Amino acid sequence: MKSFRLAQKDELQEVAALLTDSFLEYPLFPLILTQDKDYKENLYRLNYTNTKSYYQQNACFVGILDGKIVSAVLLKKSGAKGPGFAQYLLNGGLALAAQLGIKRIFNILGTLDKMKEACNRYGKESWYIDSLAVAKGFQGKSLGSTLFNNFLFPYISERGGGRITLVTHTELNKRFYCKNGFKVFNEFGIGPKGNSIPNYSFELNINPV
């Protein structure tokens, strides 16, 4: 049996580790983090900062199977701005800046802002899925679709419905989101010339209960 709930404070490291393992080979992060011996550690720090910031907004959710966290989603709620720059700094961004340097931090933020450019046009009155992941070892078992259909879609519908947006960068993810009812509404390349990756923006309208 699988259940969904808000993450608890003592689970944030586990959620950040799940996201890190899931995104270790994801093409976005080599654009913003140096792939050296500290790559995984810095990716974890980035995920932990983000996870903690969403947790503080009651917007970090986990899927539980047999007592284990097997999926996670960070969700900007409709009507909310999402975590701000100051919140990120306080939640680990300063330590990350000390490790990577201020220039790299601004490069990271600039790339992430560019990535979400099309979704941001809808303003704060839309839902935005910042991160969604299924733990390694549990992928390919329809847990991502279950997260949408048994939790996220009903959760949003019960709160007035509205437009959900998200961004992804791989054909595999593109097929997954299309299978779950999302449609691409914007596409462009992101990253340095000659080394860019596709940036797909998706949307789905959820009707209220």
Protein backbone atom coordinates (compact mmCIF):
# COMPACT_ATOMS: atom_id res chain seq x y z
CA MET A 1 0.00 0.00 0.00
CA LYS A 2 1.30 3.46 -0.90
CA SER A 3 0.43 6.66 0.95
CA PHE A 4 1.35 10.32 0.49
CA ARG A 5 1.96 13.07 3.05
CA LEU A 6 4.00 16.13 3.89
CA ALA A 7 7.63 15.37 4.58
CA GLN A 8 8.76 15.62 8.18
CA LYS A 9 11.75 17.67 9.28
CA ASP A 10 13.84 14.62 10.17
CA GLU A 11 13.26 13.24 6.65
CA LEU A 12 14.74 16.16 4.71
CA GLN A 13 18.16 14.60 4.33
CA GLU A 14 16.58 11.37 3.06
CA VAL A 15 14.46 13.30 0.56
CA ALA A 16 17.49 15.30 -0.63
CA ALA A 17 19.47 12.05 -1.03
CA LEU A 18 16.61 10.50 -3.04
CA LEU A 19 16.53 13.53 -5.36
CA THR A 20 20.31 13.50 -5.70
CA ASP A 21 20.47 9.81 -6.64
CA SER A 22 17.59 10.24 -9.09
CA PHE A 23 19.13 13.31 -10.78
CA LEU A 24 22.77 12.19 -10.71
CA GLU A 25 22.84 11.66 -14.49
CA TYR A 26 20.20 14.26 -15.33
CA PRO A 27 21.56 16.59 -18.07
CA LEU A 28 20.61 19.89 -16.39
CA PHE A 29 23.03 19.75 -13.50
CA PRO A 30 26.30 19.35 -15.43
CA LEU A 31 25.39 22.73 -16.96
CA ILE A 32 25.49 24.41 -13.54
CA LEU A 33 27.84 22.23 -11.46
CA THR A 34 31.39 21.14 -12.27
CA GLN A 35 31.61 17.38 -12.79
CA ASP A 36 34.55 16.77 -10.48
CA LYS A 37 35.03 14.67 -7.34
CA ASP A 38 32.67 16.98 -5.42
CA TYR A 39 29.87 16.83 -8.02
CA LYS A 40 27.55 14.49 -6.09
CA GLU A 41 28.16 16.29 -2.80
CA ASN A 42 27.39 19.68 -4.35
CA LEU A 43 24.31 18.28 -6.07
CA TYR A 44 23.15 16.98 -2.69
CA ARG A 45 23.74 20.40 -1.10
CA LEU A 46 21.72 22.03 -3.87
CA ASN A 47 18.88 19.53 -3.41
CA TYR A 48 18.95 19.83 0.38
CA THR A 49 18.72 23.63 0.20
CA ASN A 50 15.79 23.37 -2.19
CA THR A 51 14.07 20.61 -0.20
CA LYS A 52 14.33 22.50 3.08
CA SER A 53 12.99 25.68 1.48
CA TYR A 54 9.92 23.88 0.13
CA TYR A 55 9.44 22.05 3.43
CA GLN A 56 9.21 25.43 5.18
CA GLN A 57 6.35 26.31 2.84
CA ASN A 58 4.54 23.02 3.58
CA ALA A 59 5.17 22.06 -0.03
CA CYS A 60 7.49 19.04 0.17
CA PHE A 61 5.57 15.77 -0.16
CA VAL A 62 6.68 12.15 -0.01
CA GLY A 63 5.26 8.82 -1.13
CA ILE A 64 5.59 5.98 1.38
CA LEU A 65 5.66 2.28 0.50
CA ASP A 66 6.14 -0.33 3.23
CA GLY A 67 7.41 2.39 5.58
CA LYS A 68 10.04 3.64 3.12
CA ILE A 69 10.14 6.95 1.23
CA VAL A 70 10.02 5.95 -2.44
CA SER A 71 9.02 9.22 -4.14
CA ALA A 72 9.12 12.94 -3.52
CA VAL A 73 7.70 16.10 -5.04
CA LEU A 74 8.40 19.78 -4.40
CA LEU A 75 5.36 21.83 -5.36
CA LYS A 76 4.90 25.58 -5.68
CA LYS A 77 1.32 26.11 -4.65
CA SER A 78 -1.12 28.27 -6.57
CA GLY A 79 -1.16 31.75 -5.07
CA ALA A 80 2.32 31.34 -3.54
CA LYS A 81 5.58 32.82 -4.79
CA GLY A 82 7.64 29.76 -3.97
CA PRO A 83 10.84 29.95 -1.91
CA GLY A 84 12.76 33.19 -2.32
CA PHE A 85 16.45 33.94 -2.70
CA ALA A 86 16.90 34.93 0.97
CA GLN A 87 15.27 31.68 2.06
CA TYR A 88 17.64 29.66 -0.09
CA LEU A 89 20.65 31.50 1.34
CA LEU A 90 19.57 30.79 4.91
CA ASN A 91 18.88 27.13 4.17
CA GLY A 92 22.33 26.30 2.88
CA GLY A 93 22.92 28.62 -0.03
CA LEU A 94 25.64 30.52 1.82
CA ALA A 95 27.58 27.32 2.48
CA LEU A 96 27.16 26.33 -1.16
CA ALA A 97 28.38 29.77 -2.24
CA ALA A 98 31.44 29.37 -0.03
CA GLN A 99 32.14 26.05 -1.73
CA LEU A 100 31.41 27.05 -5.33
CA GLY A 101 31.96 30.80 -5.35
CA ILE A 102 29.48 33.63 -5.79
CA LYS A 103 29.90 33.71 -9.58
CA ARG A 104 28.89 30.07 -9.88
CA ILE A 105 25.86 30.63 -7.62
CA PHE A 106 24.63 33.47 -9.82
CA ASN A 107 25.19 31.25 -12.87
CA ILE A 108 23.09 28.51 -11.25
CA LEU A 109 20.29 30.92 -10.39
CA GLY A 110 20.38 32.48 -13.86
CA THR A 111 20.14 29.07 -15.56
CA LEU A 112 17.26 27.98 -13.31
CA ASP A 113 15.40 31.25 -13.97
CA LYS A 114 15.91 30.82 -17.72
CA MET A 115 14.67 27.23 -17.47
CA LYS A 116 11.39 28.32 -15.84
CA GLU A 117 10.92 31.39 -18.05
CA ALA A 118 7.88 30.09 -19.95
CA CYS A 119 6.20 28.72 -16.82
CA ASN A 120 6.74 31.99 -14.97
CA ARG A 121 4.60 33.81 -17.52
CA TYR A 122 1.56 32.37 -15.79
CA GLY A 123 2.57 34.12 -12.56
CA LYS A 124 2.02 32.86 -9.07
CA GLU A 125 -1.57 31.80 -9.82
CA SER A 126 -0.41 28.46 -11.22
CA TRP A 127 0.97 25.35 -9.58
CA TYR A 128 4.58 24.51 -10.43
CA ILE A 129 6.29 21.15 -9.94
CA ASP A 130 9.86 22.09 -9.06
CA SER A 131 11.13 18.53 -8.57
CA LEU A 132 9.60 15.08 -8.83
CA ALA A 133 11.52 11.85 -8.39
CA VAL A 134 11.11 8.15 -7.67
CA ALA A 135 13.81 6.36 -5.69
CA LYS A 136 16.23 4.15 -7.59
CA GLY A 137 15.13 0.55 -7.35
CA PHE A 138 11.50 1.61 -7.53
CA GLN A 139 11.55 3.23 -10.97
CA GLY A 140 9.63 1.64 -13.83
CA LYS A 141 6.88 0.46 -11.49
CA SER A 142 4.35 3.22 -12.26
CA LEU A 143 5.03 4.96 -8.94
CA GLY A 144 5.42 8.32 -10.69
CA SER A 145 2.03 7.95 -12.38
CA THR A 146 0.54 6.83 -9.06
CA LEU A 147 1.91 9.97 -7.44
CA PHE A 148 0.09 12.08 -10.04
CA ASN A 149 -3.21 10.22 -10.16
CA ASN A 150 -3.58 9.19 -6.51
CA PHE A 151 -2.16 12.29 -4.89
CA LEU A 152 -1.17 15.40 -6.88
CA PHE A 153 -4.17 15.66 -9.19
CA PRO A 154 -6.72 15.08 -6.38
CA TYR A 155 -4.76 17.38 -4.03
CA ILE A 156 -4.87 20.23 -6.55
CA SER A 157 -8.47 19.57 -7.55
CA GLU A 158 -9.61 19.74 -3.91
CA ARG A 159 -7.88 23.14 -3.60
CA GLY A 160 -9.62 24.79 -6.52
CA GLY A 161 -7.81 23.17 -9.42
CA GLY A 162 -5.90 25.25 -11.92
CA ARG A 163 -2.94 25.03 -14.27
CA ILE A 164 0.06 22.88 -13.34
CA THR A 165 3.35 23.63 -15.06
CA LEU A 166 6.75 21.94 -15.01
CA VAL A 167 9.99 21.71 -16.97
CA THR A 168 12.02 18.72 -18.07
CA HIS A 169 15.03 18.09 -20.32
CA THR A 170 14.92 14.50 -21.57
CA GLU A 171 12.87 12.58 -24.12
CA LEU A 172 12.20 9.85 -21.54
CA ASN A 173 10.67 12.35 -19.12
CA LYS A 174 8.81 14.02 -21.98
CA ARG A 175 7.08 10.72 -22.80
CA PHE A 176 6.27 10.14 -19.12
CA TYR A 177 4.60 13.52 -18.67
CA CYS A 178 2.68 13.22 -21.95
CA LYS A 179 1.45 9.80 -20.81
CA ASN A 180 0.08 11.47 -17.68
CA GLY A 181 -1.87 14.11 -19.57
CA PHE A 182 0.62 17.01 -19.82
CA LYS A 183 1.23 18.89 -23.05
CA VAL A 184 4.34 20.76 -24.22
CA PHE A 185 3.59 24.47 -24.61
CA ASN A 186 7.12 25.80 -25.02
CA GLU A 187 10.46 24.38 -26.14
CA PHE A 188 13.95 25.86 -26.54
CA GLY A 189 17.58 24.97 -25.97
CA ILE A 190 19.29 25.92 -22.73
CA GLY A 191 22.98 26.03 -21.94
CA PRO A 192 26.13 27.18 -23.73
CA LYS A 193 26.19 27.24 -27.53
CA GLY A 194 27.23 23.86 -28.87
CA ASN A 195 26.43 22.15 -25.58
CA SER A 196 22.80 23.04 -25.02
CA ILE A 197 20.06 20.65 -23.93
CA PRO A 198 16.33 20.71 -24.75
CA ASN A 199 14.11 22.59 -22.32
CA TYR A 200 10.48 21.41 -22.46
CA SER A 201 7.78 23.36 -20.59
CA PHE A 202 4.59 21.41 -19.86
CA GLU A 203 1.13 22.32 -18.68
CA LEU A 204 -2.02 20.55 -17.55
CA ASN A 205 -5.30 22.05 -16.35
CA ILE A 206 -6.94 20.39 -13.36
CA ASN A 207 -10.64 20.90 -12.79
CA PRO A 208 -11.83 21.70 -9.26
CA VAL A 209 -13.89 19.16 -7.33
